[in-house]
C-alpha atoms as a PDB file:
ATOM      1  CA  MET A   1     -89.810  -1.922-141.974  1.00  0.00           C
ATOM      2  CA  PHE A   2     -91.978  -4.998-142.363  1.00  0.00           C
ATOM      3  CA  GLY A   3     -92.835  -6.475-138.970  1.00  0.00           C
ATOM      4  CA  TYR A   4     -91.534 -10.044-139.235  1.00  0.00           C
ATOM      5  CA  VAL A   5     -88.800 -10.019-136.553  1.00  0.00           C
ATOM      6  CA  VAL A   6     -90.862 -11.157-133.591  1.00  0.00           C
ATOM      7  CA  PRO A   7     -90.276 -12.962-130.287  1.00  0.00           C
ATOM      8  CA  ASP A   8     -91.515 -16.490-129.708  1.00  0.00           C
ATOM      9  CA  LYS A   9     -93.812 -15.724-126.774  1.00  0.00           C
ATOM     10  CA  PRO A  10     -94.379 -19.343-125.609  1.00  0.00           C
ATOM     11  CA  ASN A  11     -90.603 -19.698-125.139  1.00  0.00           C
ATOM     12  CA  MET A  12     -90.105 -16.251-123.605  1.00  0.00           C
ATOM     13  CA  PHE A  13     -89.781 -15.497-119.900  1.00  0.00           C
ATOM     14  CA  ILE A  14     -92.487 -13.162-118.623  1.00  0.00           C
ATOM     15  CA  LYS A  15     -89.890 -10.572-117.581  1.00  0.00           C
ATOM     16  CA  ASP A  16     -88.419 -10.564-121.085  1.00  0.00           C
ATOM     17  CA  PHE A  17     -91.796 -10.262-122.801  1.00  0.00           C
ATOM     18  CA  THR A  18     -92.712  -7.421-120.418  1.00  0.00           C
ATOM     19  CA  MET A  19     -89.502  -5.652-121.408  1.00  0.00           C
ATOM     20  CA  TYR A  20     -90.096  -6.307-125.117  1.00  0.00           C
ATOM     21  CA  ARG A  21     -93.605  -4.886-124.912  1.00  0.00           C
ATOM     22  CA  ALA A  22     -92.288  -1.886-122.969  1.00  0.00           C
ATOM     23  CA  PHE A  23     -89.845  -1.216-125.836  1.00  0.00           C
ATOM     24  CA  TYR A  24     -92.683  -1.519-128.355  1.00  0.00           C
ATOM     25  CA  CYS A  25     -94.928   0.845-126.389  1.00  0.00           C
ATOM     26  CA  GLY A  26     -92.004   3.208-125.800  1.00  0.00           C
ATOM     27  CA  LEU A  27     -91.388   3.450-129.537  1.00  0.00           C
ATOM     28  CA  CYS A  28     -95.079   4.053-130.178  1.00  0.00           C
ATOM     29  CA  LYS A  29     -95.187   6.795-127.520  1.00  0.00           C
ATOM     30  CA  ALA A  30     -91.981   8.406-128.804  1.00  0.00           C
ATOM     31  CA  ILE A  31     -93.364   8.515-132.346  1.00  0.00           C
ATOM     32  CA  GLY A  32     -96.600  10.073-131.105  1.00  0.00           C
ATOM     33  CA  LYS A  33     -94.779  12.718-129.073  1.00  0.00           C
ATOM     34  CA  ASN A  34     -92.026  13.623-131.533  1.00  0.00           C
ATOM     35  CA  CYS A  35     -93.834  13.081-134.841  1.00  0.00           C
ATOM     36  CA  SER A  36     -97.619  12.797-134.768  1.00  0.00           C
ATOM     37  CA  GLN A  37    -100.315  10.473-133.509  1.00  0.00           C
ATOM     38  CA  CYS A  38    -100.968   9.249-137.052  1.00  0.00           C
ATOM     39  CA  MET A  39     -97.312   8.265-137.473  1.00  0.00           C
ATOM     40  CA  ARG A  40     -97.746   5.698-134.698  1.00  0.00           C
ATOM     41  CA  VAL A  41     -99.028   3.273-137.349  1.00  0.00           C
ATOM     42  CA  PHE A  42     -95.356   2.832-138.287  1.00  0.00           C
ATOM     43  CA  THR A  43     -94.592   1.171-134.932  1.00  0.00           C
ATOM     44  CA  ASN A  44     -93.410  -2.340-135.783  1.00  0.00           C
ATOM     45  CA  TYR A  45     -91.773  -5.486-134.449  1.00  0.00           C
ATOM     46  CA  ASP A  46     -88.566  -5.178-136.468  1.00  0.00           C
ATOM     47  CA  MET A  47     -87.720  -1.795-134.959  1.00  0.00           C
ATOM     48  CA  THR A  48     -88.634  -3.041-131.486  1.00  0.00           C
ATOM     49  CA  PHE A  49     -85.924  -5.680-131.886  1.00  0.00           C
ATOM     50  CA  PHE A  50     -83.518  -2.990-133.089  1.00  0.00           C
ATOM     51  CA  ILE A  51     -84.254  -0.865-130.004  1.00  0.00           C
ATOM     52  CA  ALA A  52     -83.469  -3.817-127.739  1.00  0.00           C
ATOM     53  CA  LEU A  53     -80.226  -4.331-129.662  1.00  0.00           C
ATOM     54  CA  LEU A  54     -79.196  -0.674-129.242  1.00  0.00           C
ATOM     55  CA  TYR A  55     -79.846  -0.772-125.500  1.00  0.00           C
ATOM     56  CA  GLY A  56     -78.188  -4.163-125.175  1.00  0.00           C
ATOM     57  CA  VAL A  57     -75.003  -3.189-126.991  1.00  0.00           C
ATOM     58  CA  ARG A  58     -74.672   0.281-125.477  1.00  0.00           C
ATOM     59  CA  GLY A  59     -75.669  -0.742-121.964  1.00  0.00           C
ATOM     60  CA  GLU A  60     -77.812   2.383-121.742  1.00  0.00           C
ATOM     61  CA  GLU A  61     -79.957   2.715-118.629  1.00  0.00           C
ATOM     62  CA  ILE A  62     -83.548   1.643-119.231  1.00  0.00           C
ATOM     63  CA  GLU A  63     -86.138   3.809-117.484  1.00  0.00           C
ATOM     64  CA  ILE A  64     -89.675   2.431-117.340  1.00  0.00           C
ATOM     65  CA  SER A  65     -92.909   4.152-116.380  1.00  0.00           C
ATOM     66  CA  ASN A  66     -96.525   2.952-116.211  1.00  0.00           C
ATOM     67  CA  GLU A  67     -98.702   4.854-118.656  1.00  0.00           C
ATOM     68  CA  THR A  68    -102.036   4.537-120.394  1.00  0.00           C
ATOM     69  CA  CYS A  69    -102.263   3.864-124.127  1.00  0.00           C
ATOM     70  CA  ILE A  70    -104.268   5.625-126.835  1.00  0.00           C
ATOM     71  CA  LEU A  71    -105.791   2.214-127.685  1.00  0.00           C
ATOM     72  CA  ASN A  72    -106.564   1.447-124.037  1.00  0.00           C
ATOM     73  CA  PRO A  73    -106.913   4.664-122.005  1.00  0.00           C
ATOM     74  CA  ILE A  74    -107.907   2.793-118.826  1.00  0.00           C
ATOM     75  CA  LYS A  75    -105.286   0.080-118.309  1.00  0.00           C
ATOM     76  CA  LYS A  76    -101.707   1.224-117.709  1.00  0.00           C
ATOM     77  CA  LYS A  77     -98.766  -0.472-119.428  1.00  0.00           C
ATOM     78  CA  SER A  78     -95.012  -0.530-118.886  1.00  0.00           C
ATOM     79  CA  VAL A  79     -93.348   1.948-121.238  1.00  0.00           C
ATOM     80  CA  VAL A  80     -89.635   2.601-121.802  1.00  0.00           C
ATOM     81  CA  LYS A  81     -89.029   6.334-121.520  1.00  0.00           C
ATOM     82  CA  PRO A  82     -87.393   8.179-124.453  1.00  0.00           C
ATOM     83  CA  SER A  83     -83.607   8.131-124.498  1.00  0.00           C
ATOM     84  CA  ARG A  84     -80.765   8.260-127.018  1.00  0.00           C
ATOM     85  CA  SER A  85     -81.399   4.715-128.269  1.00  0.00           C
ATOM     86  CA  MET A  86     -85.163   5.209-128.489  1.00  0.00           C
ATOM     87  CA  ILE A  87     -84.817   8.461-130.453  1.00  0.00           C
ATOM     88  CA  ASP A  88     -82.191   6.917-132.754  1.00  0.00           C
ATOM     89  CA  ALA A  89     -84.538   4.027-133.497  1.00  0.00           C
ATOM     90  CA  MET A  90     -87.489   6.374-133.997  1.00  0.00           C
ATOM     91  CA  ASN A  91     -85.586   8.449-136.575  1.00  0.00           C
ATOM     92  CA  PHE A  92     -84.308   5.324-138.339  1.00  0.00           C
ATOM     93  CA  ASN A  93     -87.853   3.974-138.396  1.00  0.00           C
ATOM     94  CA  THR A  94     -89.165   7.200-139.964  1.00  0.00           C
ATOM     95  CA  ILE A  95     -86.482   7.137-142.669  1.00  0.00           C
ATOM     96  CA  LEU A  96     -87.207   3.490-143.463  1.00  0.00           C
ATOM     97  CA  GLY A  97     -90.958   4.161-143.455  1.00  0.00           C
ATOM     98  CA  HIS A  98     -90.588   6.926-146.048  1.00  0.00           C
ATOM     99  CA  TRP A  99     -88.462   4.808-148.385  1.00  0.00           C
ATOM    100  CA  LYS A 100     -90.749   1.798-148.003  1.00  0.00           C
ATOM    101  CA  LEU A 101     -93.585   4.002-149.222  1.00  0.00           C
ATOM    102  CA  VAL A 102     -91.432   5.353-152.066  1.00  0.00           C
ATOM    103  CA  ASP A 103     -90.592   1.787-153.068  1.00  0.00           C
ATOM    104  CA  ASP A 104     -94.284   0.826-153.035  1.00  0.00           C
ATOM    105  CA  ILE A 105     -95.190   3.938-155.049  1.00  0.00           C
ATOM    106  CA  GLU A 106     -92.629   3.094-157.730  1.00  0.00           C
ATOM    107  CA  ASP A 107     -93.474  -0.627-157.821  1.00  0.00           C
ATOM    108  CA  LYS A 108     -97.233  -0.501-157.467  1.00  0.00           C
ATOM    109  CA  ARG A 109     -98.069   3.011-158.714  1.00  0.00           C
ATOM    110  CA  SER A 110    -100.044   3.425-155.493  1.00  0.00           C
ATOM    111  CA  LEU A 111    -101.823   6.788-155.240  1.00  0.00           C
ATOM    112  CA  THR A 112    -102.852   6.002-151.656  1.00  0.00           C
ATOM    113  CA  ARG A 113     -99.243   5.531-150.567  1.00  0.00           C
ATOM    114  CA  LYS A 114     -98.181   8.660-152.452  1.00  0.00           C
ATOM    115  CA  ILE A 115    -100.752  10.721-150.596  1.00  0.00           C
ATOM    116  CA  LEU A 116     -99.809   9.070-147.291  1.00  0.00           C
ATOM    117  CA  ASP A 117     -96.134   9.896-147.816  1.00  0.00           C
ATOM    118  CA  SER A 118     -96.775  13.488-148.919  1.00  0.00           C
ATOM    119  CA  VAL A 119     -99.342  14.366-146.271  1.00  0.00           C
ATOM    120  CA  MET A 120     -98.201  12.431-143.219  1.00  0.00           C
ATOM    121  CA  VAL A 121     -94.627  11.167-143.513  1.00  0.00           C
ATOM    122  CA  LYS A 122     -92.439  13.507-145.540  1.00  0.00           C
ATOM    123  CA  ARG A 123     -92.142  16.371-143.052  1.00  0.00           C
ATOM    124  CA  HIS A 124     -91.130  13.975-140.297  1.00  0.00           C
ATOM    125  CA  TYR A 125     -88.740  12.277-142.715  1.00  0.00           C
ATOM    126  CA  LYS A 126     -87.000  15.608-143.302  1.00  0.00           C
ATOM    127  CA  LYS A 127     -86.553  16.056-139.535  1.00  0.00           C
ATOM    128  CA  ALA A 128     -85.124  12.543-139.235  1.00  0.00           C
ATOM    129  CA  CYS A 129     -82.718  13.249-142.113  1.00  0.00           C
ATOM    130  CA  LYS A 130     -81.376  16.310-140.273  1.00  0.00           C
ATOM    131  CA  ALA A 131     -80.836  14.213-137.161  1.00  0.00           C
ATOM    132  CA  MET A 132     -79.220  11.278-139.031  1.00  0.00           C
ATOM    133  CA  PRO A 133     -77.968  12.506-142.440  1.00  0.00           C
ATOM    134  CA  ALA A 134     -75.522   9.631-142.993  1.00  0.00           C
ATOM    135  CA  VAL A 135     -78.188   7.042-142.187  1.00  0.00           C
ATOM    136  CA  ALA A 136     -80.655   8.778-144.516  1.00  0.00           C
ATOM    137  CA  GLU A 137     -78.089   8.660-147.332  1.00  0.00           C
ATOM    138  CA  ALA A 138     -77.398   4.974-146.690  1.00  0.00           C
ATOM    139  CA  VAL A 139     -81.105   4.092-146.754  1.00  0.00           C
ATOM    140  CA  GLU A 140     -81.711   6.052-149.951  1.00  0.00           C
ATOM    141  CA  ARG A 141     -78.707   4.413-151.601  1.00  0.00           C
ATOM    142  CA  GLY A 142     -79.866   0.979-150.443  1.00  0.00           C
ATOM    143  CA  TYR A 143     -83.372   1.391-151.828  1.00  0.00           C
ATOM    144  CA  ARG A 144     -82.061   2.803-155.116  1.00  0.00           C
ATOM    145  CA  GLU A 145     -79.765  -0.198-155.501  1.00  0.00           C
ATOM    146  CA  LEU A 146     -82.632  -2.510-154.573  1.00  0.00           C
ATOM    147  CA  ALA A 147     -84.867  -0.936-157.227  1.00  0.00           C
ATOM    148  CA  GLU A 148     -82.131  -1.388-159.849  1.00  0.00           C
ATOM    149  CA  VAL A 149     -81.661  -5.070-158.984  1.00  0.00           C
ATOM    150  CA  GLU A 150     -85.415  -5.684-159.058  1.00  0.00           C
ATOM    151  CA  ARG A 151     -85.686  -4.029-162.479  1.00  0.00           C
ATOM    152  CA  GLU A 152     -83.207  -6.642-163.708  1.00  0.00           C
ATOM    153  CA  ARG A 153     -85.685  -9.284-162.461  1.00  0.00           C
ATOM    154  CA  THR A 154     -82.842 -11.403-161.161  1.00  0.00           C
ATOM    155  CA  SER A 155     -83.582 -14.984-160.156  1.00  0.00           C
ATOM    156  CA  SER A 156     -80.737 -14.977-157.613  1.00  0.00           C
ATOM    157  CA  LEU A 157     -82.075 -14.689-154.068  1.00  0.00           C
ATOM    158  CA  ASP A 158     -78.685 -13.551-152.789  1.00  0.00           C
ATOM    159  CA  ARG A 159     -78.437 -10.758-155.359  1.00  0.00           C
ATOM    160  CA  ALA A 160     -82.032  -9.669-154.830  1.00  0.00           C
ATOM    161  CA  ALA A 161     -81.709  -9.489-151.030  1.00  0.00           C
ATOM    162  CA  HIS A 162     -78.179  -8.033-150.849  1.00  0.00           C
ATOM    163  CA  PRO A 163     -79.012  -4.292-151.149  1.00  0.00           C
ATOM    164  CA  PHE A 164     -81.494  -4.396-148.264  1.00  0.00           C
ATOM    165  CA  ALA A 165     -79.262  -6.636-146.141  1.00  0.00           C
ATOM    166  CA  GLN A 166     -76.211  -4.443-146.750  1.00  0.00           C
ATOM    167  CA  MET A 167     -78.250  -1.341-145.949  1.00  0.00           C
ATOM    168  CA  MET A 168     -79.196  -2.814-142.562  1.00  0.00           C
ATOM    169  CA  ARG A 169     -75.554  -3.591-141.824  1.00  0.00           C
ATOM    170  CA  GLU A 170     -74.374  -0.120-142.844  1.00  0.00           C
ATOM    171  CA  CYS A 171     -77.085   1.758-140.961  1.00  0.00           C
ATOM    172  CA  THR A 172     -76.442  -0.259-137.802  1.00  0.00           C
ATOM    173  CA  ALA A 173     -72.742   0.647-138.028  1.00  0.00           C
ATOM    174  CA  LEU A 174     -73.569   4.338-138.456  1.00  0.00           C
ATOM    175  CA  ILE A 175     -76.017   4.401-135.546  1.00  0.00           C
ATOM    176  CA  LEU A 176     -73.860   2.427-133.097  1.00  0.00           C
ATOM    177  CA  GLY A 177     -70.608   4.175-133.992  1.00  0.00           C
ATOM    178  CA  ASP A 178     -67.800   3.032-131.680  1.00  0.00           C
ATOM    179  CA  ASP A 179     -70.063   0.366-130.151  1.00  0.00           C
ATOM    180  CA  TYR A 180     -70.369  -1.403-133.507  1.00  0.00           C
ATOM    181  CA  THR A 181     -68.575  -4.699-134.170  1.00  0.00           C
ATOM    182  CA  ASP A 182     -68.303  -6.921-137.232  1.00  0.00           C
ATOM    183  CA  ALA A 183     -70.331  -9.578-135.424  1.00  0.00           C
ATOM    184  CA  ILE A 184     -73.247  -7.161-135.043  1.00  0.00           C
ATOM    185  CA  GLY A 185     -72.919  -6.214-138.707  1.00  0.00           C
ATOM    186  CA  ASP A 186     -72.936  -9.855-139.820  1.00  0.00           C
ATOM    187  CA  MET A 187     -76.006 -10.533-137.696  1.00  0.00           C
ATOM    188  CA  MET A 188     -77.882  -7.525-139.068  1.00  0.00           C
ATOM    189  CA  TYR A 189     -76.943  -8.468-142.635  1.00  0.00           C
ATOM    190  CA  CYS A 190     -78.460 -11.941-142.162  1.00  0.00           C
ATOM    191  CA  ILE A 191     -81.555 -10.484-140.497  1.00  0.00           C
ATOM    192  CA  GLY A 192     -81.937  -7.931-143.294  1.00  0.00           C
ATOM    193  CA  LYS A 193     -81.645 -10.687-145.888  1.00  0.00           C
ATOM    194  CA  TRP A 194     -84.166 -12.797-143.994  1.00  0.00           C
ATOM    195  CA  ILE A 195     -86.634  -9.874-143.799  1.00  0.00           C
ATOM    196  CA  TYR A 196     -86.419  -9.308-147.550  1.00  0.00           C
ATOM    197  CA  LEU A 197     -86.938 -12.994-148.368  1.00  0.00           C
ATOM    198  CA  ALA A 198     -89.694 -13.385-145.764  1.00  0.00           C
ATOM    199  CA  ASP A 199     -91.546 -10.469-147.334  1.00  0.00           C
ATOM    200  CA  ALA A 200     -91.109 -12.046-150.775  1.00  0.00           C
ATOM    201  CA  VAL A 201     -92.629 -15.323-149.551  1.00  0.00           C
ATOM    202  CA  ASP A 202     -95.488 -13.491-147.878  1.00  0.00           C
ATOM    203  CA  ASP A 203     -96.252 -11.516-151.057  1.00  0.00           C
ATOM    204  CA  VAL A 204     -96.035 -14.297-153.680  1.00  0.00           C
ATOM    205  CA  GLU A 205     -99.753 -14.494-154.386  1.00  0.00           C
ATOM    206  CA  GLU A 206    -100.269 -10.734-154.609  1.00  0.00           C
ATOM    207  CA  ASP A 207     -97.154 -10.211-156.748  1.00  0.00           C
ATOM    208  CA  ALA A 208     -98.086 -13.070-159.091  1.00  0.00           C
ATOM    209  CA  ARG A 209    -101.589 -11.704-159.534  1.00  0.00           C
ATOM    210  CA  LYS A 210    -100.305  -8.201-160.329  1.00  0.00           C
ATOM    211  CA  GLY A 211     -97.331  -9.351-162.398  1.00  0.00           C
ATOM    212  CA  GLU A 212     -94.840  -7.628-160.094  1.00  0.00           C
ATOM    213  CA  TYR A 213     -91.269  -8.761-159.508  1.00  0.00           C
ATOM    214  CA  ASN A 214     -90.701 -11.299-156.759  1.00  0.00           C
ATOM    215  CA  CYS A 215     -87.404 -13.178-156.478  1.00  0.00           C
ATOM    216  CA  MET A 216     -89.273 -16.283-155.295  1.00  0.00           C
ATOM    217  CA  LEU A 217     -91.323 -16.443-158.507  1.00  0.00           C
ATOM    218  CA  GLN A 218     -88.618 -16.092-161.170  1.00  0.00           C
ATOM    219  CA  GLY A 219     -88.708 -19.137-163.447  1.00  0.00           C
ATOM    220  CA  TYR A 220     -91.737 -20.583-161.646  1.00  0.00           C
ATOM    221  CA  ASP A 221     -95.246 -21.035-163.044  1.00  0.00           C
ATOM    222  CA  PHE A 222     -97.367 -19.795-160.125  1.00  0.00           C
ATOM    223  CA  LYS A 223    -100.811 -21.340-159.618  1.00  0.00           C
ATOM    224  CA  ASP A 224    -101.765 -20.508-156.043  1.00  0.00           C
ATOM    225  CA  ARG A 225    -100.035 -19.986-152.707  1.00  0.00           C
ATOM    226  CA  GLU A 226    -100.743 -23.483-151.377  1.00  0.00           C
ATOM    227  CA  THR A 227     -99.280 -25.132-154.485  1.00  0.00           C
ATOM    228  CA  PHE A 228     -96.289 -22.794-154.369  1.00  0.00           C
ATOM    229  CA  LEU A 229     -95.507 -23.735-150.767  1.00  0.00           C
ATOM    230  CA  GLN A 230     -95.860 -27.451-151.578  1.00  0.00           C
ATOM    231  CA  GLU A 231     -93.715 -27.415-154.719  1.00  0.00           C
ATOM    232  CA  ARG A 232     -91.056 -24.978-153.502  1.00  0.00           C
ATOM    233  CA  GLN A 233     -91.004 -26.033-149.852  1.00  0.00           C
ATOM    234  CA  ASP A 234     -87.362 -27.135-149.806  1.00  0.00           C
ATOM    235  CA  PHE A 235     -86.158 -24.147-151.836  1.00  0.00           C
ATOM    236  CA  VAL A 236     -87.914 -21.572-149.656  1.00  0.00           C
ATOM    237  CA  ALA A 237     -87.102 -23.340-146.384  1.00  0.00           C
ATOM    238  CA  PHE A 238     -83.391 -23.543-147.206  1.00  0.00           C
ATOM    239  CA  ALA A 239     -83.219 -19.840-148.113  1.00  0.00           C
ATOM    240  CA  LEU A 240     -84.934 -18.653-144.928  1.00  0.00           C
ATOM    241  CA  GLN A 241     -83.298 -21.142-142.582  1.00  0.00           C
ATOM    242  CA  ASP A 242     -79.846 -20.319-143.947  1.00  0.00           C
ATOM    243  CA  CYS A 243     -80.413 -16.679-142.961  1.00  0.00           C
ATOM    244  CA  CYS A 244     -81.576 -17.757-139.483  1.00  0.00           C
ATOM    245  CA  ARG A 245     -78.477 -19.913-139.096  1.00  0.00           C
ATOM    246  CA  GLY A 246     -76.187 -17.062-140.165  1.00  0.00           C
ATOM    247  CA  ALA A 247     -77.860 -14.635-137.761  1.00  0.00           C
ATOM    248  CA  SER A 248     -77.557 -17.119-134.880  1.00  0.00           C
ATOM    249  CA  GLU A 249     -73.883 -17.841-135.576  1.00  0.00           C
ATOM    250  CA  ALA A 250     -73.079 -14.127-135.733  1.00  0.00           C
ATOM    251  CA  PHE A 251     -75.085 -13.496-132.551  1.00  0.00           C
ATOM    252  CA  ASP A 252     -72.869 -15.955-130.679  1.00  0.00           C
ATOM    253  CA  ARG A 253     -70.046 -13.438-131.183  1.00  0.00           C
ATOM    254  CA  VAL A 254     -72.052 -10.391-130.041  1.00  0.00           C
ATOM    255  CA  ARG A 255     -71.373  -9.081-126.543  1.00  0.00           C
ATOM    256  CA  LEU A 256     -74.425  -7.603-124.830  1.00  0.00           C
ATOM    257  CA  LYS A 257     -74.557  -5.480-121.695  1.00  0.00           C
ATOM    258  CA  SER A 258     -78.309  -5.909-121.200  1.00  0.00           C
ATOM    259  CA  CYS A 259     -81.510  -7.219-122.864  1.00  0.00           C
ATOM    260  CA  GLU A 260     -79.888 -10.599-123.508  1.00  0.00           C
ATOM    261  CA  GLY A 261     -83.080 -12.546-122.814  1.00  0.00           C
ATOM    262  CA  VAL A 262     -85.160 -10.486-125.264  1.00  0.00           C
ATOM    263  CA  ILE A 263     -82.625 -10.586-128.075  1.00  0.00           C
ATOM    264  CA  THR A 264     -81.698 -14.254-127.586  1.00  0.00           C
ATOM    265  CA  ASN A 265     -85.343 -15.298-127.781  1.00  0.00           C
ATOM    266  CA  ILE A 266     -85.857 -13.434-131.042  1.00  0.00           C
ATOM    267  CA  ILE A 267     -82.671 -14.715-132.703  1.00  0.00           C
ATOM    268  CA  TRP A 268     -82.891 -18.330-131.510  1.00  0.00           C
ATOM    269  CA  TYR A 269     -86.647 -18.877-131.541  1.00  0.00           C
ATOM    270  CA  GLY A 270     -88.545 -15.939-133.045  1.00  0.00           C
ATOM    271  CA  LEU A 271     -86.967 -16.069-136.497  1.00  0.00           C
ATOM    272  CA  ALA A 272     -87.415 -19.835-136.690  1.00  0.00           C
ATOM    273  CA  GLN A 273     -91.035 -19.639-135.513  1.00  0.00           C
ATOM    274  CA  LYS A 274     -91.884 -16.990-138.111  1.00  0.00           C
ATOM    275  CA  THR A 275     -90.079 -19.003-140.797  1.00  0.00           C
ATOM    276  CA  ASN A 276     -92.234 -22.029-139.990  1.00  0.00           C
ATOM    277  CA  GLU A 277     -95.341 -19.860-140.065  1.00  0.00           C
ATOM    278  CA  LEU A 278     -94.440 -18.499-143.496  1.00  0.00           C
ATOM    279  CA  LEU A 279     -93.900 -22.023-144.796  1.00  0.00           C
ATOM    280  CA  ARG A 280     -97.264 -23.378-143.656  1.00  0.00           C
ATOM    281  CA  ARG A 281     -99.737 -20.506-143.956  1.00  0.00           C
ATOM    282  CA  THR A 282    -101.930 -20.164-147.018  1.00  0.00           C
ATOM    283  CA  THR A 283    -102.654 -16.513-146.199  1.00  0.00           C
ATOM    284  CA  LYS A 284    -100.380 -13.562-145.441  1.00  0.00           C
ATOM    285  CA  CYS A 285     -99.097 -13.548-141.867  1.00  0.00           C
ATOM    286  CA  LYS A 286     -98.196  -9.902-141.403  1.00  0.00           C
ATOM    287  CA  LYS A 287     -99.310  -8.335-138.146  1.00  0.00           C
ATOM    288  CA  THR A 288     -98.820  -4.824-136.799  1.00  0.00           C
ATOM    289  CA  ARG A 289     -99.690  -4.996-133.100  1.00  0.00           C
ATOM    290  CA  ILE A 290     -98.802  -7.081-130.064  1.00  0.00           C
END
């Protein structure tokens, strides 16, 4: 995934941020143990949110231990131990990571990403597919549909974002099974749409320079990122904020058994904070670590 779905730390209780970071570190540890140490670079914020959602909806017991980290072998951190939800998220993350690389290879003709996928990711992707075949099929179908829409170079933001948003809804339904509800699906659709559009905003300068498709640039004469954000402020803000509003309204109908503080912070404040950051920054705002 992309790494945009983050908490708003200034408005987060310490206990909730500690839990969020324990989920993040738990995912990183699970990837290192079950895949490889190199695969830990695929640890991201979006999947950390998804882990919290799985635990929150299922009400699965959360076991935490204090462990050292490969980046800091001296100081111990709180880490959520592997469980059904953690392993489900890890496999989903691996499948998404593979298809993100495939998408980049097809769009950007990137030899580096092709080598990365072949050497490091593909064998773990095959294991994840065996564990979650229906999810793997849904992700592949979603990315194929996304590639087809992007080849059309549509100017419709809704049409451009729909395949990824629908994929997130469908995969969430498959992973949660009987615990899934329409409210969760609606929320994940809006979050998926927001992720796609947020990534488009973040990539406008790079895509314009390389002549690659970007739904935010169709019919617009791009000069530079600062001018783009000034001239298209209302257009971009409405698109992103509408997704945030939809996710929040759907979340009001979601019933959680745990992790309410973590998930509420991200839905109510984190998405809005990242939206504001995207609208005011003149450089890319992607981050990979907390």
